[in-house]
Amino acid sequence: MNKSELIAAIAKSTKLTKADVTNVVDQFLEVSKKELKKGGEISLTGFLSIKKVKRAARTGRNPRTGKVLKIAAKNVVKIKAGKALKDAV
C-alpha cells in the first residue's frame, strides 16, 4: 500500500475528504521527521516505535575488488514492531 492508497482507505473508513486526510498524513510525517531529527522517539503503543540511533564507524570490504575501506559513522532510523502488530500478522 502506498501513500495515496493509504489516504484513500482512511478517507473511506472515516468519511473525511481525501484533502483532509492528506493534510493529516503530511503533518504526521513532518512532525515525525522533526522529532527524529532532534533525537526523540515516536512510539505508537502496540503498533510500532521509531527512533534514531547512531551507527558507529567501521571497516568494510568492497566485494568486487576485496579492498578494505572505511565506512563513516552515521545516524539511522530503527523501527520496531509492537506486540499487537506482531500478533495481528
N, C-alpha and C. Protein backbone atom coordinates (compact mmCIF):
# COMPACT_ATOMS: atom_id res chain seq x y z
N MET A 1 0.86 -1.17 0.00
CA MET A 1 0.00 0.00 0.00
C MET A 1 0.90 1.23 0.00
N ASN A 2 0.68 2.12 -0.93
CA ASN A 2 1.45 3.35 -0.97
C ASN A 2 0.68 4.48 -0.28
N LYS A 3 1.25 5.68 -0.29
CA LYS A 3 0.66 6.80 0.43
C LYS A 3 -0.73 7.15 -0.08
N SER A 4 -0.93 7.21 -1.39
CA SER A 4 -2.24 7.58 -1.92
C SER A 4 -3.30 6.51 -1.62
N GLU A 5 -2.90 5.24 -1.64
CA GLU A 5 -3.84 4.17 -1.28
C GLU A 5 -4.20 4.23 0.20
N LEU A 6 -3.23 4.55 1.03
CA LEU A 6 -3.49 4.71 2.47
C LEU A 6 -4.46 5.86 2.71
N ILE A 7 -4.24 6.97 2.05
CA ILE A 7 -5.11 8.14 2.20
C ILE A 7 -6.53 7.80 1.75
N ALA A 8 -6.67 7.12 0.63
CA ALA A 8 -8.00 6.74 0.14
C ALA A 8 -8.70 5.80 1.11
N ALA A 9 -7.97 4.85 1.68
CA ALA A 9 -8.57 3.90 2.63
C ALA A 9 -9.02 4.59 3.91
N ILE A 10 -8.20 5.50 4.41
CA ILE A 10 -8.56 6.23 5.62
C ILE A 10 -9.75 7.14 5.35
N ALA A 11 -9.75 7.83 4.22
CA ALA A 11 -10.86 8.71 3.86
C ALA A 11 -12.16 7.93 3.77
N LYS A 12 -12.11 6.76 3.19
CA LYS A 12 -13.32 5.94 3.04
C LYS A 12 -13.84 5.46 4.39
N SER A 13 -12.95 5.04 5.27
CA SER A 13 -13.40 4.49 6.56
C SER A 13 -13.79 5.57 7.56
N THR A 14 -13.30 6.79 7.40
CA THR A 14 -13.61 7.85 8.36
C THR A 14 -14.63 8.86 7.84
N LYS A 15 -14.99 8.77 6.57
CA LYS A 15 -15.92 9.71 5.94
C LYS A 15 -15.36 11.13 5.86
N LEU A 16 -14.03 11.26 5.94
CA LEU A 16 -13.38 12.55 5.75
C LEU A 16 -12.99 12.70 4.29
N THR A 17 -12.74 13.94 3.88
CA THR A 17 -12.31 14.14 2.50
C THR A 17 -10.85 13.70 2.35
N LYS A 18 -10.48 13.38 1.12
CA LYS A 18 -9.11 12.99 0.85
C LYS A 18 -8.15 14.14 1.15
N ALA A 19 -8.59 15.36 0.92
CA ALA A 19 -7.75 16.53 1.20
C ALA A 19 -7.46 16.64 2.69
N ASP A 20 -8.47 16.41 3.52
CA ASP A 20 -8.26 16.47 4.97
C ASP A 20 -7.31 15.37 5.43
N VAL A 21 -7.51 14.17 4.93
CA VAL A 21 -6.66 13.04 5.31
C VAL A 21 -5.24 13.27 4.81
N THR A 22 -5.08 13.79 3.61
CA THR A 22 -3.76 14.09 3.07
C THR A 22 -3.04 15.08 3.96
N ASN A 23 -3.73 16.11 4.41
CA ASN A 23 -3.13 17.11 5.29
C ASN A 23 -2.68 16.47 6.61
N VAL A 24 -3.51 15.60 7.18
CA VAL A 24 -3.16 14.94 8.44
C VAL A 24 -1.94 14.03 8.25
N VAL A 25 -1.93 13.24 7.20
CA VAL A 25 -0.80 12.33 6.95
C VAL A 25 0.48 13.13 6.70
N ASP A 26 0.40 14.20 5.92
CA ASP A 26 1.57 15.03 5.66
C ASP A 26 2.10 15.66 6.95
N GLN A 27 1.20 16.14 7.80
CA GLN A 27 1.62 16.74 9.06
C GLN A 27 2.22 15.69 10.00
N PHE A 28 1.67 14.48 10.01
CA PHE A 28 2.23 13.40 10.81
C PHE A 28 3.66 13.11 10.37
N LEU A 29 3.89 13.06 9.08
CA LEU A 29 5.23 12.79 8.56
C LEU A 29 6.20 13.91 8.92
N GLU A 30 5.76 15.17 8.80
CA GLU A 30 6.63 16.30 9.12
C GLU A 30 6.98 16.33 10.61
N VAL A 31 5.97 16.15 11.47
CA VAL A 31 6.23 16.14 12.91
C VAL A 31 7.15 14.98 13.28
N SER A 32 6.96 13.83 12.65
CA SER A 32 7.80 12.67 12.91
C SER A 32 9.25 12.95 12.52
N LYS A 33 9.46 13.54 11.35
CA LYS A 33 10.81 13.87 10.90
C LYS A 33 11.49 14.83 11.87
N LYS A 34 10.77 15.86 12.31
CA LYS A 34 11.35 16.84 13.23
C LYS A 34 11.71 16.18 14.56
N GLU A 35 10.83 15.32 15.07
CA GLU A 35 11.08 14.64 16.34
C GLU A 35 12.30 13.73 16.25
N LEU A 36 12.40 12.97 15.18
CA LEU A 36 13.55 12.09 15.00
C LEU A 36 14.84 12.88 14.80
N LYS A 37 14.76 13.98 14.09
CA LYS A 37 15.94 14.80 13.83
C LYS A 37 16.53 15.34 15.13
N LYS A 38 15.66 15.71 16.09
CA LYS A 38 16.17 16.23 17.35
C LYS A 38 16.50 15.12 18.36
N GLY A 39 16.38 13.86 17.94
CA GLY A 39 16.79 12.75 18.79
C GLY A 39 15.67 12.10 19.57
N GLY A 40 14.44 12.50 19.33
CA GLY A 40 13.30 11.93 20.04
C GLY A 40 12.90 10.59 19.49
N GLU A 41 11.86 10.03 20.07
CA GLU A 41 11.35 8.72 19.66
C GLU A 41 9.84 8.84 19.44
N ILE A 42 9.34 8.11 18.46
CA ILE A 42 7.91 8.05 18.19
C ILE A 42 7.45 6.67 18.59
N SER A 43 6.48 6.62 19.49
CA SER A 43 6.02 5.33 19.98
C SER A 43 4.50 5.27 19.89
N LEU A 44 4.00 4.38 19.07
CA LEU A 44 2.57 4.12 18.97
C LEU A 44 2.35 2.77 19.65
N THR A 45 1.98 2.81 20.91
CA THR A 45 1.92 1.62 21.76
C THR A 45 1.15 0.49 21.09
N GLY A 46 1.79 -0.67 21.06
CA GLY A 46 1.20 -1.85 20.47
C GLY A 46 1.39 -1.95 18.97
N PHE A 47 1.74 -0.84 18.32
CA PHE A 47 1.88 -0.85 16.87
C PHE A 47 3.35 -0.82 16.47
N LEU A 48 4.06 0.28 16.77
CA LEU A 48 5.47 0.36 16.43
C LEU A 48 6.14 1.48 17.19
N SER A 49 7.46 1.42 17.22
CA SER A 49 8.24 2.52 17.75
C SER A 49 9.36 2.81 16.76
N ILE A 50 9.68 4.09 16.64
CA ILE A 50 10.68 4.56 15.70
C ILE A 50 11.65 5.45 16.45
N LYS A 51 12.94 5.21 16.28
CA LYS A 51 13.92 6.07 16.92
C LYS A 51 15.17 6.18 16.07
N LYS A 52 15.93 7.24 16.33
CA LYS A 52 17.19 7.48 15.64
C LYS A 52 18.30 6.88 16.48
N VAL A 53 19.17 6.10 15.85
CA VAL A 53 20.33 5.54 16.55
C VAL A 53 21.59 5.89 15.76
N LYS A 54 22.68 6.01 16.48
CA LYS A 54 23.96 6.32 15.84
C LYS A 54 24.68 5.02 15.52
N ARG A 55 25.03 4.84 14.28
CA ARG A 55 25.79 3.67 13.85
C ARG A 55 27.27 4.07 13.84
N ALA A 56 28.07 3.31 14.54
CA ALA A 56 29.50 3.62 14.68
C ALA A 56 30.24 3.41 13.36
N ALA A 57 31.38 4.08 13.26
CA ALA A 57 32.24 3.90 12.09
C ALA A 57 32.79 2.47 12.11
N ARG A 58 33.01 1.93 10.94
CA ARG A 58 33.51 0.55 10.86
C ARG A 58 34.28 0.37 9.56
N THR A 59 34.96 -0.75 9.45
CA THR A 59 35.65 -1.05 8.21
C THR A 59 34.82 -2.04 7.43
N GLY A 60 34.86 -1.92 6.13
CA GLY A 60 34.13 -2.81 5.24
C GLY A 60 35.04 -3.28 4.13
N ARG A 61 34.47 -4.03 3.24
CA ARG A 61 35.26 -4.56 2.14
C ARG A 61 34.46 -4.44 0.85
N ASN A 62 35.11 -3.93 -0.20
CA ASN A 62 34.49 -3.85 -1.50
C ASN A 62 34.39 -5.29 -2.04
N PRO A 63 33.18 -5.79 -2.29
CA PRO A 63 33.04 -7.18 -2.72
C PRO A 63 33.66 -7.46 -4.10
N ARG A 64 33.76 -6.46 -4.93
CA ARG A 64 34.31 -6.67 -6.27
C ARG A 64 35.84 -6.75 -6.25
N THR A 65 36.45 -5.81 -5.51
CA THR A 65 37.91 -5.75 -5.53
C THR A 65 38.56 -6.36 -4.29
N GLY A 66 37.80 -6.49 -3.22
CA GLY A 66 38.35 -7.01 -1.98
C GLY A 66 39.09 -5.96 -1.17
N LYS A 67 39.11 -4.74 -1.66
CA LYS A 67 39.83 -3.65 -1.00
C LYS A 67 39.10 -3.26 0.29
N VAL A 68 39.86 -3.08 1.37
CA VAL A 68 39.30 -2.64 2.65
C VAL A 68 39.03 -1.15 2.58
N LEU A 69 37.87 -0.73 3.09
CA LEU A 69 37.53 0.68 3.10
C LEU A 69 36.88 1.04 4.42
N LYS A 70 36.93 2.31 4.75
CA LYS A 70 36.37 2.79 6.00
C LYS A 70 34.96 3.32 5.74
N ILE A 71 34.01 2.86 6.55
CA ILE A 71 32.63 3.32 6.45
C ILE A 71 32.42 4.29 7.60
N ALA A 72 31.99 5.51 7.29
CA ALA A 72 31.83 6.56 8.28
C ALA A 72 30.64 6.29 9.22
N ALA A 73 30.70 6.88 10.41
CA ALA A 73 29.59 6.81 11.35
C ALA A 73 28.42 7.61 10.78
N LYS A 74 27.21 7.19 11.09
CA LYS A 74 26.04 7.93 10.63
C LYS A 74 24.83 7.60 11.49
N ASN A 75 23.82 8.43 11.37
CA ASN A 75 22.56 8.20 12.07
C ASN A 75 21.63 7.40 11.17
N VAL A 76 20.94 6.42 11.76
CA VAL A 76 19.99 5.62 11.02
C VAL A 76 18.69 5.54 11.82
N VAL A 77 17.61 5.19 11.15
CA VAL A 77 16.31 5.05 11.80
C VAL A 77 16.09 3.58 12.10
N LYS A 78 15.67 3.30 13.33
CA LYS A 78 15.39 1.94 13.75
C LYS A 78 13.90 1.84 14.04
N ILE A 79 13.25 0.86 13.41
CA ILE A 79 11.81 0.66 13.58
C ILE A 79 11.58 -0.71 14.22
N LYS A 80 10.78 -0.72 15.26
CA LYS A 80 10.48 -1.97 15.95
C LYS A 80 8.96 -2.15 16.01
N ALA A 81 8.49 -3.29 15.56
CA ALA A 81 7.06 -3.58 15.58
C ALA A 81 6.61 -3.88 17.00
N GLY A 82 5.41 -3.42 17.35
CA GLY A 82 4.84 -3.68 18.67
C GLY A 82 4.18 -5.05 18.74
N LYS A 83 3.86 -5.49 19.94
CA LYS A 83 3.29 -6.81 20.16
C LYS A 83 1.95 -6.97 19.44
N ALA A 84 1.09 -6.00 19.50
CA ALA A 84 -0.22 -6.11 18.85
C ALA A 84 -0.07 -6.28 17.34
N LEU A 85 0.87 -5.56 16.74
CA LEU A 85 1.12 -5.68 15.30
C LEU A 85 1.68 -7.05 14.97
N LYS A 86 2.63 -7.52 15.75
CA LYS A 86 3.21 -8.84 15.54
C LYS A 86 2.13 -9.93 15.64
N ASP A 87 1.26 -9.82 16.64
CA ASP A 87 0.21 -10.81 16.81
C ASP A 87 -0.81 -10.78 15.68
N ALA A 88 -1.06 -9.58 15.14
CA ALA A 88 -2.03 -9.44 14.05
C ALA A 88 -1.52 -10.04 12.75
N VAL A 89 -0.22 -10.00 12.56
CA VAL A 89 0.38 -10.51 11.33
C VAL A 89 0.69 -11.96 11.50
